[in-house]
Protein backbone atom coordinates (compact mmCIF):
# COMPACT_ATOMS: atom_id res chain seq x y z
CA MET A 1 0.19 -0.06 -0.11
CA THR A 2 0.98 3.54 -0.84
CA LYS A 3 2.18 5.50 2.29
CA PHE A 4 2.71 9.08 2.66
CA ARG A 5 6.28 10.28 3.92
CA PRO A 6 6.90 13.33 5.36
CA CYS A 7 10.05 15.78 4.65
CA ILE A 8 11.98 18.91 5.49
CA ASP A 9 13.16 20.79 2.85
CA LEU A 10 15.92 23.23 4.38
CA HIS A 11 17.39 26.20 2.33
CA ASP A 12 19.55 28.73 3.84
CA GLY A 13 19.16 27.09 7.47
CA LYS A 14 15.23 27.75 6.85
CA VAL A 15 12.30 24.91 6.40
CA LYS A 16 10.65 25.87 2.96
CA GLN A 17 8.42 25.06 0.06
CA ILE A 18 9.87 26.20 -3.10
CA ILE A 19 9.22 25.37 -6.41
CA GLY A 20 11.66 22.53 -7.41
CA GLY A 21 12.96 24.28 -11.14
CA THR A 22 13.83 27.25 -9.90
CA LEU A 23 16.58 26.50 -7.85
CA THR A 24 20.36 27.23 -9.22
CA ASP A 25 23.09 27.75 -7.71
CA ASP A 26 22.56 32.10 -6.99
CA ASP A 27 18.63 31.67 -6.33
CA SER A 28 17.97 34.33 -8.62
CA THR A 29 15.05 32.91 -10.13
CA LEU A 30 14.06 31.06 -7.05
CA ARG A 31 10.23 30.91 -6.13
CA GLU A 32 9.20 29.98 -3.08
CA ASN A 33 5.89 28.82 -1.83
CA PHE A 34 6.26 28.89 2.36
CA VAL A 35 9.11 29.95 4.54
CA SER A 36 8.38 28.55 8.15
CA GLU A 37 9.16 30.48 11.60
CA LYS A 38 9.22 27.19 13.05
CA SER A 39 12.42 25.29 13.04
CA SER A 40 13.46 21.55 12.00
CA ALA A 41 13.36 19.91 14.75
CA ASP A 42 9.47 21.48 15.27
CA PHE A 43 8.85 19.69 12.38
CA ALA A 44 10.70 16.56 13.34
CA GLU A 45 9.12 16.15 16.43
CA LEU A 46 5.73 16.58 15.15
CA TYR A 47 6.70 13.98 12.69
CA ARG A 48 8.34 11.75 15.70
CA GLN A 49 4.39 11.96 17.53
CA ASN A 50 2.30 10.91 14.47
CA HIS A 51 4.56 7.88 14.11
CA LEU A 52 5.30 9.18 10.41
CA THR A 53 8.52 7.03 9.19
CA GLY A 54 10.93 7.32 6.29
CA GLY A 55 11.11 10.56 6.00
CA HIS A 56 13.26 13.07 4.68
CA ILE A 57 15.47 16.04 5.15
CA ILE A 58 16.88 17.59 2.08
CA GLN A 59 19.48 20.07 1.93
CA LEU A 60 19.09 22.68 -0.95
CA GLY A 61 22.50 24.39 -1.29
CA PRO A 62 25.30 25.50 1.94
CA GLY A 63 24.16 26.79 5.08
CA ASN A 64 21.44 24.39 6.28
CA LYS A 65 24.00 21.80 8.11
CA GLN A 66 23.20 23.10 11.73
CA ALA A 67 19.37 22.96 10.66
CA ALA A 68 19.86 19.34 9.67
CA LEU A 69 22.05 18.57 12.95
CA SER A 70 18.96 19.82 15.15
CA ALA A 71 15.99 17.66 13.01
CA LEU A 72 18.37 14.84 13.27
CA ALA A 73 18.81 15.15 17.24
CA ALA A 74 14.90 15.56 17.51
CA TRP A 75 14.10 12.36 16.53
CA PRO A 76 17.24 9.94 16.14
CA ASP A 77 16.98 6.92 13.44
CA GLY A 78 13.94 8.71 12.17
CA MET A 79 14.36 10.18 9.01
CA GLN A 80 17.39 10.28 6.26
CA ILE A 81 19.48 12.96 4.96
CA GLY A 82 20.35 14.33 1.73
CA GLY A 83 22.46 17.14 0.10
CA GLY A 84 25.76 17.31 -0.30
CA ILE A 85 26.69 13.76 0.96
CA ASN A 86 29.58 12.07 -0.16
CA LEU A 87 31.86 9.16 0.94
CA GLU A 88 33.60 11.68 3.26
CA ASN A 89 30.93 12.52 5.52
CA ALA A 90 27.82 9.55 5.09
CA SER A 91 29.27 7.85 8.29
CA ASP A 92 28.87 11.17 9.71
CA TRP A 93 25.40 12.18 8.84
CA LEU A 94 24.63 8.31 10.39
CA SER A 95 26.55 9.04 13.42
CA ALA A 96 24.05 12.18 13.92
CA GLY A 97 21.39 10.76 14.10
CA ALA A 98 19.89 9.86 10.10
CA SER A 99 18.45 6.18 9.54
CA HIS A 100 20.21 6.61 5.96
CA VAL A 101 22.00 9.20 3.70
CA ILE A 102 20.84 10.41 0.76
CA VAL A 103 22.93 10.40 -2.82
CA THR A 104 23.03 12.00 -6.30
CA SER A 105 25.01 14.48 -7.46
CA TRP A 106 27.83 12.78 -5.65
CA LEU A 107 27.63 9.91 -8.21
CA PHE A 108 28.18 11.83 -10.88
CA ALA A 109 31.42 14.13 -12.92
CA PRO A 110 30.51 17.79 -12.95
CA ASP A 111 29.76 17.11 -16.63
CA GLY A 112 27.32 14.72 -15.89
CA SER A 113 28.64 11.55 -16.33
CA PHE A 114 27.40 8.40 -13.99
CA LEU A 115 30.47 7.59 -11.89
CA PRO A 116 29.02 3.63 -10.87
CA GLU A 117 32.64 3.19 -8.71
CA ARG A 118 31.32 5.62 -6.68
CA LEU A 119 28.52 4.09 -5.87
CA SER A 120 30.06 0.69 -5.40
CA GLN A 121 32.46 2.54 -2.98
CA LEU A 122 29.52 4.31 -0.58
CA THR A 123 28.11 1.30 -0.45
CA VAL A 124 31.37 -0.75 0.87
CA GLU A 125 31.78 2.62 2.95
CA ILE A 126 28.54 2.50 5.35
CA GLY A 127 26.41 -0.74 3.57
CA LYS A 128 23.89 -0.75 1.17
CA ASP A 129 20.87 -0.92 4.27
CA ASN A 130 22.05 3.00 5.18
CA LEU A 131 22.05 4.35 1.34
CA VAL A 132 19.42 6.00 -0.46
CA ILE A 133 19.79 6.85 -3.77
CA ASP A 134 18.31 10.10 -5.54
CA LEU A 135 17.06 9.86 -8.59
CA SER A 136 14.90 12.89 -8.94
CA CYS A 137 14.61 13.75 -12.68
CA ARG A 138 13.33 15.87 -15.87
CA ARG A 139 11.19 14.68 -18.90
CA THR A 140 13.45 14.03 -21.46
CA GLN A 141 13.31 12.67 -25.13
CA ALA A 142 14.30 9.42 -23.20
CA GLY A 143 11.63 9.52 -21.47
CA TRP A 144 13.02 10.70 -17.69
CA THR A 145 16.58 11.89 -17.19
CA VAL A 146 17.90 11.90 -13.36
CA ALA A 147 19.39 15.75 -13.18
CA MET A 148 21.65 16.82 -10.57
CA ASN A 149 23.21 19.94 -9.40
CA ARG A 150 19.75 20.64 -7.70
CA TRP A 151 17.73 19.94 -10.65
CA GLN A 152 19.46 22.29 -13.15
CA THR A 153 22.15 19.85 -15.15
CA LEU A 154 20.90 16.54 -16.66
CA THR A 155 22.79 13.69 -16.21
CA ASP A 156 23.42 10.57 -19.01
CA LEU A 157 21.21 8.69 -16.36
CA HIS A 158 18.22 7.65 -17.02
CA ILE A 159 15.14 6.32 -15.43
CA THR A 160 15.19 2.66 -17.13
CA PRO A 161 14.18 -0.90 -15.74
CA GLU A 162 17.89 -1.89 -16.46
CA ASN A 163 19.32 1.21 -14.28
CA LEU A 164 17.18 0.66 -11.50
CA ASP A 165 17.90 -2.84 -11.52
CA HIS A 166 21.67 -1.78 -11.09
CA ILE A 167 21.22 0.47 -8.37
CA ALA A 168 19.33 -1.71 -6.33
CA GLN A 169 22.35 -3.84 -5.70
CA HIS A 170 23.95 -0.81 -4.02
CA CYS A 171 20.81 1.01 -1.87
CA ASP A 172 18.39 0.10 0.18
CA GLU A 173 15.27 3.04 -1.24
CA LEU A 174 15.17 4.80 -3.98
CA LEU A 175 13.83 8.64 -4.03
CA VAL A 176 12.60 10.22 -6.77
CA HIS A 177 11.39 13.64 -7.44
CA ALA A 178 9.80 14.90 -10.17
CA ALA A 179 11.75 18.26 -11.04
CA ASP A 180 9.19 19.37 -13.46
CA VAL A 181 6.06 19.69 -11.27
CA GLU A 182 7.71 20.37 -8.15
CA GLY A 183 5.98 22.61 -5.58
CA LEU A 184 3.62 23.69 -9.04
CA CYS A 185 0.55 21.56 -6.79
CA LYS A 186 -0.74 20.76 -10.21
CA GLY A 187 -1.10 16.94 -10.12
CA ILE A 188 2.16 13.96 -9.84
CA ASP A 189 3.09 12.86 -12.79
CA GLN A 190 1.27 9.44 -13.26
CA GLU A 191 3.24 8.22 -15.88
CA LEU A 192 6.43 8.55 -13.96
CA VAL A 193 4.54 6.89 -10.67
CA GLN A 194 3.07 4.27 -13.03
CA THR A 195 7.07 3.40 -14.42
CA LEU A 196 7.93 3.21 -11.05
CA GLY A 197 5.59 0.73 -9.85
CA GLN A 198 6.04 -1.98 -12.94
CA TRP A 199 9.78 -1.53 -11.20
CA ALA A 200 8.64 -2.07 -7.24
CA LYS A 201 11.73 -3.82 -6.85
CA LEU A 202 12.94 -1.46 -3.82
CA PRO A 203 11.05 0.69 -1.64
CA ILE A 204 10.57 4.08 -3.63
CA THR A 205 9.36 7.64 -2.42
CA TYR A 206 8.17 9.82 -5.26
CA ALA A 207 7.51 13.62 -4.85
CA GLY A 208 6.69 16.38 -6.68
CA GLY A 209 3.17 17.48 -7.50
CA ALA A 210 0.33 16.07 -5.01
CA ALA A 211 -1.98 18.26 -4.36
CA THR A 212 -4.87 16.70 -2.41
CA MET A 213 -5.90 13.08 -1.32
CA ALA A 214 -6.63 12.46 -5.28
CA ASP A 215 -3.16 12.61 -6.12
CA ILE A 216 -2.12 9.68 -2.96
CA HIS A 217 -5.29 7.90 -4.79
CA LEU A 218 -3.74 8.03 -8.20
CA THR A 219 -0.35 6.95 -6.57
CA GLN A 220 -1.80 4.18 -4.95
CA GLN A 221 -3.87 3.14 -8.07
CA HIS A 222 -1.16 3.90 -10.61
CA SER A 223 2.01 2.08 -8.97
CA GLN A 224 0.04 -0.63 -7.48
CA GLY A 225 0.56 0.55 -4.16
CA ASN A 226 4.32 0.28 -4.44
CA VAL A 227 5.33 3.37 -4.56
CA ASP A 228 5.39 6.01 -1.47
CA ILE A 229 4.39 9.69 -1.57
CA THR A 230 5.64 12.99 -0.27
CA VAL A 231 3.58 16.16 -0.10
CA GLY A 232 5.18 19.62 0.02
CA SER A 233 3.52 22.39 -0.72
CA ALA A 234 -0.22 21.30 -0.97
CA LEU A 235 0.31 20.12 2.73
CA ASP A 236 -1.02 22.84 5.83
CA ILE A 237 1.69 22.59 7.40
CA PHE A 238 3.80 24.18 4.97
CA GLY A 239 1.04 26.70 4.05
CA GLY A 240 -1.22 24.57 2.06
CA ALA A 241 -4.89 24.20 1.79
CA GLY A 242 -4.96 20.92 -0.51
CA VAL A 243 -4.37 18.13 2.36
CA THR A 244 -3.88 18.11 5.74
CA LEU A 245 -1.19 16.38 8.10
CA LYS A 246 -4.45 14.89 9.55
CA GLU A 247 -6.02 13.10 6.67
CA LEU A 248 -1.96 11.41 5.55
CA THR A 249 -1.74 10.40 9.12
CA GLU A 250 -5.57 8.60 9.19
CA TRP A 251 -4.71 6.92 5.36
CA ASN A 252 -1.05 5.38 7.34
CA SER A 253 -3.12 3.91 9.63
CA GLN A 254 -5.28 2.05 7.60
């Protein structure tokens, strides 16, 4: 069954919801849907109280380490951490309380070439049970292509069953943001969800576009219950009006 998984997106040390495709190195095009006055630890504690497991903390650029550490301290082993994770710091984040580390950009060369040897190295260093691979992607002529560097650089890795099979040998879960619809609250990418659900050899969390409870039902339907979902900008705790945390918690308790 599809489950709701919570998130904490950090930008400049604050909990925010942004339109994913607008995030660049200089933030000149950044469009924010929500900036919270509450701390990252407040949100982690809220998720802990509601027994919402398998969520992720994403550091969107520099200046977020202390906020990330505070959230992990509020719920040790309760959330995953991503953003700037590499071979050198992965173990430190696990020691700080992350259940898993989430990795994307470090697995690619600056030009976007996939470096499978790095994936193997990371698996050896921390073990596959502690690793989530972020395959956040954009629609291309190839279908969906993994994007790195705040979703601005397309890589040479496409979302195909063969590529998913290879990556699955080295990690515990997959996280997939649909960057083209992230933050827009105009509905999920149903085709992507269906593609992921048909493969479904590992736990997968999908993020991007969820606007109402109808999108939770669509994710359940199109993935045959094989893909979990994150709700961001539409959620009431992030200033949204489309769905409430209470609704999602009740959905998970079915």
